[in-house]
Amino acid sequence: MGILSVDLCGIPIDNPVIPASGTFGYGYEFAEMYDINCLGTFSFKGTTKEPRFGNPTPRIAECTAGMINAVGLQNPGVEKVISEELPKLKECFTKKVMANISGFSVEEYAYTCEKLDKCPQVGWLEVNISCPNVHGGGMSFGTSAAAAAEVTKAVKKVTQKPVIMKLSPNVTDITEIAKACEAEGADGVSLINTLLGMRIDLKTQKPVIANKMGGFSGSAIFPVALRMVYQVASAVKIPVIGMGGVSCAEDVIEMMLAGATAVEIGAANLINPYVCKEIIDNLPAVMEKYKIKNLKDIIGGAI
């Protein structure tokens, strides 16, 4: 049987499969269906300093081979995540979890990261500078190299855990943003977040979702995500987490060949809640088919 384990920013994980933030809640909901300890880790729901109700409804629209969402970072705020969500998770998940963090100012990012940095359950801080569904935060930091660097620098000052900057595809040159984060000490980058998209209802002749536009995800975006992972992995020396349209074990292998050390699965969790477990179960057979003995050996193999 092939070796699935990889090293992510200095922390070993049993396999490279990671459910993406916003598609796996705080984990314990999925633990009712299967033992989530089979995962490499998972990135929990995007967390902000203050509680957020999110955007008005409707905020989900179906598309061909994907979906658009504008949930808007609905979450209970960092204090309740620490006091309520993490203790519940501890009952069903024994591994380190990845904390996903968003904010509306550099100070908010730093505050929330510093709080979660003190939590023993948290292994990595995934700093989301790429959410397209909120006004005045998220993606506004991820579309400017200078702003991305500023957030990275501020977070690194207040944390000891590995910092992974989550990048936006809604830019002209994603490598410029990745290199700016690396220069300020980022331990890794994850990409891509959702593409900006929209749908119009032919009956009402108005946008389907209340926010008008939202994040487009699903299998349709896989080739775009793969291309950007390849470009970033070729441009930086820090680990890359690939994501975007991943839905099977073959997609994981392809992402790793493009340079990803680990791979996040997002929208596919909303279609099939068992998909991450199935991908992990299927990886050994796919590795055998393509004569891969150790997943570490293929990272960046296509570069």
Protein backbone atom coordinates (compact mmCIF):
# COMPACT_ATOMS: atom_id res chain seq x y z
CA MET A 1 0.00 0.00 0.00
CA GLY A 2 1.27 3.47 -0.91
CA ILE A 3 2.31 6.08 1.66
CA LEU A 4 -0.29 8.85 1.96
CA SER A 5 1.28 10.96 4.73
CA VAL A 6 2.69 14.43 4.01
CA ASP A 7 4.26 17.24 6.01
CA LEU A 8 2.25 20.49 6.05
CA CYS A 9 4.27 23.48 7.28
CA GLY A 10 6.20 21.31 9.72
CA ILE A 11 3.21 19.32 10.99
CA PRO A 12 2.82 15.73 9.71
CA ILE A 13 -0.66 14.71 8.54
CA ASP A 14 -1.83 11.18 7.72
CA ASN A 15 -3.02 12.12 4.23
CA PRO A 16 -3.35 15.31 2.15
CA VAL A 17 -7.17 15.44 2.17
CA ILE A 18 -8.63 18.50 3.94
CA PRO A 19 -12.29 19.62 3.84
CA ALA A 20 -12.33 23.32 2.98
CA SER A 21 -13.62 26.09 5.21
CA GLY A 22 -17.30 26.88 4.89
CA THR A 23 -18.20 23.38 3.67
CA PHE A 24 -17.55 21.35 6.82
CA GLY A 25 -18.90 23.54 9.64
CA TYR A 26 -16.96 22.98 12.86
CA GLY A 27 -16.59 19.28 12.11
CA TYR A 28 -18.85 17.64 14.65
CA GLU A 29 -21.85 17.72 12.28
CA PHE A 30 -19.97 15.41 9.90
CA ALA A 31 -18.75 13.26 12.79
CA GLU A 32 -22.35 12.02 13.12
CA MET A 33 -21.94 10.39 9.68
CA TYR A 34 -18.37 8.99 9.82
CA ASP A 35 -15.18 9.08 11.88
CA ILE A 36 -13.64 12.36 10.79
CA ASN A 37 -10.29 11.34 12.27
CA CYS A 38 -9.62 9.68 8.91
CA LEU A 39 -9.02 13.18 7.49
CA GLY A 40 -5.60 14.79 7.23
CA THR A 41 -7.23 17.72 9.03
CA PHE A 42 -10.02 20.14 8.14
CA SER A 43 -10.40 23.90 7.91
CA PHE A 44 -13.27 25.08 10.10
CA LYS A 45 -15.87 27.69 9.25
CA GLY A 46 -14.53 31.18 8.57
CA THR A 47 -14.26 33.00 11.90
CA THR A 48 -14.27 36.75 12.57
CA LYS A 49 -13.69 38.88 15.66
CA GLU A 50 -17.40 39.67 16.12
CA PRO A 51 -20.43 37.41 15.42
CA ARG A 52 -21.86 37.72 11.90
CA PHE A 53 -25.35 36.85 10.68
CA GLY A 54 -24.12 36.86 7.08
CA ASN A 55 -25.77 38.22 3.95
CA PRO A 56 -29.53 38.42 3.31
CA THR A 57 -31.24 35.48 1.61
CA PRO A 58 -31.44 34.03 -0.98
CA ARG A 59 -27.70 33.44 -0.93
CA ILE A 60 -27.21 30.17 -2.85
CA ALA A 61 -27.69 29.62 -6.59
CA GLU A 62 -27.10 26.45 -8.59
CA CYS A 63 -25.03 26.51 -11.78
CA THR A 64 -23.91 24.03 -14.39
CA ALA A 65 -21.18 21.95 -12.70
CA GLY A 66 -21.10 24.24 -9.67
CA MET A 67 -22.81 26.72 -7.41
CA ILE A 68 -22.71 30.37 -6.37
CA ASN A 69 -22.82 31.30 -2.70
CA ALA A 70 -22.90 34.60 -0.86
CA VAL A 71 -23.30 33.36 2.72
CA GLY A 72 -21.12 36.21 3.96
CA LEU A 73 -19.02 34.61 6.70
CA GLN A 74 -21.90 33.74 9.03
CA ASN A 75 -20.28 32.68 12.32
CA PRO A 76 -20.66 33.13 16.10
CA GLY A 77 -17.45 35.16 16.53
CA VAL A 78 -14.06 34.05 17.83
CA GLU A 79 -14.96 34.08 21.55
CA LYS A 80 -17.80 31.59 21.08
CA VAL A 81 -15.77 29.49 18.67
CA ILE A 82 -13.17 29.08 21.42
CA SER A 83 -15.63 28.60 24.29
CA GLU A 84 -18.31 26.50 22.54
CA GLU A 85 -17.33 25.11 19.12
CA LEU A 86 -13.81 23.84 19.87
CA PRO A 87 -14.85 21.93 23.05
CA LYS A 88 -17.58 20.17 21.04
CA LEU A 89 -15.08 19.34 18.31
CA LYS A 90 -12.63 17.92 20.85
CA GLU A 91 -15.12 15.16 21.65
CA CYS A 92 -14.95 13.76 18.10
CA PHE A 93 -11.67 14.93 16.54
CA THR A 94 -8.31 14.10 18.11
CA LYS A 95 -6.06 15.76 15.51
CA LYS A 96 -4.99 19.36 15.07
CA VAL A 97 -7.58 21.46 13.25
CA MET A 98 -6.99 24.31 10.80
CA ALA A 99 -8.52 27.63 11.92
CA ASN A 100 -9.88 29.77 9.09
CA ILE A 101 -9.85 33.48 9.93
CA SER A 102 -11.28 36.52 8.20
CA GLY A 103 -11.52 40.20 9.06
CA PHE A 104 -12.43 43.72 8.01
CA SER A 105 -9.19 45.40 9.07
CA VAL A 106 -5.58 44.41 9.64
CA GLU A 107 -6.18 44.84 13.38
CA GLU A 108 -9.15 42.43 13.31
CA TYR A 109 -7.12 39.76 11.51
CA ALA A 110 -4.34 40.10 14.08
CA TYR A 111 -6.77 40.04 17.05
CA THR A 112 -8.57 36.88 15.89
CA CYS A 113 -5.35 35.08 14.94
CA GLU A 114 -3.78 35.89 18.31
CA LYS A 115 -6.82 34.46 20.11
CA LEU A 116 -6.85 31.22 18.11
CA ASP A 117 -3.06 30.90 18.27
CA LYS A 118 -3.45 30.18 22.00
CA CYS A 119 -5.75 27.18 21.39
CA PRO A 120 -3.92 23.83 21.66
CA GLN A 121 -6.40 22.21 19.24
CA VAL A 122 -5.41 24.58 16.44
CA GLY A 123 -2.48 23.44 14.30
CA TRP A 124 -2.53 26.00 11.48
CA LEU A 125 -4.01 29.47 10.91
CA GLU A 126 -5.53 29.80 7.44
CA VAL A 127 -5.95 33.54 6.92
CA ASN A 128 -8.70 34.24 4.40
CA ILE A 129 -7.85 37.36 2.40
CA SER A 130 -9.98 36.21 -0.51
CA CYS A 131 -13.69 36.01 0.40
CA PRO A 132 -15.70 37.66 -2.40
CA ASN A 133 -18.96 37.71 -0.42
CA VAL A 134 -18.40 40.53 2.10
CA HIS A 135 -18.12 44.26 1.62
CA GLY A 136 -15.07 46.07 2.94
CA GLY A 137 -13.14 42.95 3.97
CA GLY A 138 -11.88 39.60 2.76
CA MET A 139 -11.08 39.89 -0.93
CA SER A 140 -10.19 43.58 -0.71
CA PHE A 141 -7.01 42.49 1.10
CA GLY A 142 -6.28 39.65 -1.30
CA THR A 143 -6.37 41.62 -4.56
CA SER A 144 -3.49 43.92 -3.56
CA ALA A 145 0.03 42.60 -3.00
CA ALA A 146 0.75 45.43 -0.54
CA ALA A 147 -2.43 44.76 1.49
CA ALA A 148 -1.82 41.00 1.50
CA ALA A 149 1.71 41.60 2.74
CA GLU A 150 0.44 43.94 5.47
CA VAL A 151 -2.01 41.34 6.81
CA THR A 152 0.64 38.62 6.69
CA LYS A 153 3.15 40.76 8.58
CA ALA A 154 0.61 41.71 11.28
CA VAL A 155 -0.52 38.11 11.82
CA LYS A 156 3.03 36.73 11.97
CA LYS A 157 3.86 39.20 14.74
CA VAL A 158 1.22 37.77 17.08
CA THR A 159 1.32 34.05 16.28
CA GLN A 160 3.61 31.05 16.74
CA LYS A 161 1.63 28.58 14.64
CA PRO A 162 2.10 28.15 10.87
CA VAL A 163 0.27 30.89 8.93
CA ILE A 164 -1.29 29.91 5.59
CA MET A 165 -2.61 32.80 3.49
CA LYS A 166 -5.71 31.92 1.46
CA LEU A 167 -5.53 33.65 -1.91
CA SER A 168 -8.12 35.05 -4.32
CA PRO A 169 -8.27 33.99 -7.98
CA ASN A 170 -9.95 37.31 -8.82
CA VAL A 171 -6.64 38.98 -9.68
CA THR A 172 -4.49 39.53 -12.77
CA ASP A 173 -1.38 37.78 -11.39
CA ILE A 174 -1.86 35.51 -8.38
CA THR A 175 1.89 34.83 -8.14
CA GLU A 176 2.49 38.49 -7.24
CA ILE A 177 0.19 38.13 -4.21
CA ALA A 178 1.74 34.79 -3.19
CA LYS A 179 5.28 36.18 -3.36
CA ALA A 180 4.26 39.22 -1.29
CA CYS A 181 2.88 36.91 1.43
CA GLU A 182 6.00 34.74 1.33
CA ALA A 183 8.23 37.80 1.69
CA GLU A 184 6.46 38.78 4.92
CA GLY A 185 6.89 35.34 6.47
CA ALA A 186 3.84 33.30 5.41
CA ASP A 187 4.48 29.61 6.10
CA GLY A 188 2.22 28.53 3.25
CA VAL A 189 -0.51 29.64 0.85
CA SER A 190 -3.83 28.03 -0.05
CA LEU A 191 -5.67 28.60 -3.31
CA ILE A 192 -8.00 29.16 -4.92
CA ASN A 193 -10.95 30.66 -3.16
CA THR A 194 -14.12 31.05 -5.22
CA LEU A 195 -14.34 32.94 -8.49
CA LEU A 196 -16.72 35.88 -8.63
CA GLY A 197 -19.92 34.96 -10.45
CA MET A 198 -23.66 35.57 -10.69
CA ARG A 199 -26.96 34.20 -12.04
CA ILE A 200 -30.08 36.06 -13.24
CA ASP A 201 -33.61 34.70 -12.77
CA LEU A 202 -35.37 34.82 -16.15
CA LYS A 203 -38.82 35.12 -14.53
CA THR A 204 -37.99 38.13 -12.35
CA GLN A 205 -35.17 39.38 -14.60
CA LYS A 206 -33.20 40.11 -11.43
CA PRO A 207 -30.08 38.52 -9.90
CA VAL A 208 -30.89 35.21 -8.20
CA ILE A 209 -29.05 35.98 -4.96
CA ALA A 210 -29.69 39.05 -2.80
CA ASN A 211 -26.00 39.98 -2.85
CA LYS A 212 -26.20 40.04 -6.70
CA MET A 213 -22.78 38.38 -7.01
CA GLY A 214 -21.13 35.59 -5.07
CA GLY A 215 -18.43 32.95 -5.05
CA PHE A 216 -18.57 30.42 -7.89
CA SER A 217 -17.28 26.97 -6.90
CA GLY A 218 -17.63 23.35 -7.99
CA SER A 219 -16.05 21.03 -10.54
CA ALA A 220 -16.30 23.64 -13.33
CA ILE A 221 -13.48 25.70 -11.79
CA PHE A 222 -10.96 22.84 -11.43
CA PRO A 223 -8.85 23.66 -14.53
CA VAL A 224 -8.54 27.31 -13.44
CA ALA A 225 -7.57 26.28 -9.90
CA LEU A 226 -5.03 23.76 -11.18
CA ARG A 227 -3.42 26.38 -13.41
CA MET A 228 -3.09 28.84 -10.54
CA VAL A 229 -1.69 26.22 -8.15
CA TYR A 230 0.89 25.33 -10.80
CA GLN A 231 1.84 29.00 -11.27
CA VAL A 232 2.13 29.73 -7.54
CA ALA A 233 4.01 26.52 -6.73
CA SER A 234 6.49 27.47 -9.46
CA ALA A 235 6.92 30.97 -7.99
CA VAL A 236 7.31 30.36 -4.22
CA LYS A 237 9.29 28.05 -1.97
CA ILE A 238 6.65 27.67 0.76
CA PRO A 239 4.03 24.86 0.76
CA VAL A 240 0.91 25.28 -1.35
CA ILE A 241 -2.53 23.87 -0.50
CA GLY A 242 -4.54 23.37 -3.68
CA MET A 243 -8.31 23.63 -3.92
CA GLY A 244 -11.06 24.48 -6.36
CA GLY A 245 -13.39 21.94 -7.95
CA VAL A 246 -11.69 18.88 -6.43
CA SER A 247 -14.11 15.97 -6.22
CA CYS A 248 -12.19 12.68 -6.55
CA ALA A 249 -8.88 10.98 -5.78
CA GLU A 250 -7.62 11.61 -9.32
CA ASP A 251 -8.14 15.36 -8.81
CA VAL A 252 -6.05 15.19 -5.62
CA ILE A 253 -3.18 13.50 -7.51
CA GLU A 254 -3.41 16.10 -10.27
CA MET A 255 -3.28 18.98 -7.77
CA MET A 256 -0.23 17.46 -6.10
CA LEU A 257 1.55 17.04 -9.43
CA ALA A 258 0.85 20.76 -10.01
CA GLY A 259 2.68 21.53 -6.76
CA ALA A 260 0.18 21.14 -3.92
CA THR A 261 1.42 19.58 -0.68
CA ALA A 262 -2.17 19.08 0.52
CA VAL A 263 -5.57 19.45 -1.13
CA GLU A 264 -8.82 20.96 0.16
CA ILE A 265 -12.24 19.77 -0.94
CA GLY A 266 -15.04 22.35 -0.83
CA ALA A 267 -18.31 22.30 -2.79
CA ALA A 268 -18.17 18.52 -3.25
CA ASN A 269 -18.89 18.16 0.51
CA LEU A 270 -22.24 19.88 -0.05
CA ILE A 271 -23.18 17.40 -2.78
CA ASN A 272 -21.89 14.27 -1.04
CA PRO A 273 -21.05 14.58 2.68
CA TYR A 274 -18.97 11.38 2.48
CA VAL A 275 -16.78 12.59 -0.39
CA CYS A 276 -13.61 13.23 1.66
CA LYS A 277 -13.75 9.78 3.25
CA GLU A 278 -14.33 8.23 -0.17
CA ILE A 279 -11.38 10.11 -1.66
CA ILE A 280 -9.09 8.89 1.15
CA ASP A 281 -10.37 5.32 0.69
CA ASN A 282 -9.80 5.53 -3.09
CA LEU A 283 -6.33 7.10 -3.04
CA PRO A 284 -4.34 3.83 -2.57
CA ALA A 285 -5.95 2.25 -5.64
CA VAL A 286 -5.38 5.35 -7.77
CA MET A 287 -1.76 5.52 -6.56
CA GLU A 288 -1.26 1.88 -7.52
CA LYS A 289 -2.81 2.48 -10.95
CA TYR A 290 -0.30 5.25 -11.68
CA LYS A 291 2.63 3.49 -9.93
CA ILE A 292 2.89 6.07 -7.14
CA LYS A 293 4.44 4.66 -3.96
CA ASN A 294 4.66 7.82 -1.86
CA LEU A 295 2.54 10.96 -2.32
CA LYS A 296 5.41 13.16 -1.13
CA ASP A 297 7.38 12.11 -4.19
CA ILE A 298 4.89 13.56 -6.68
CA ILE A 299 4.52 17.06 -5.17
CA GLY A 300 5.35 19.43 -8.02
CA GLY A 301 6.15 16.52 -10.32
CA ALA A 302 4.62 18.29 -13.34
CA ILE A 303 6.60 21.51 -12.81
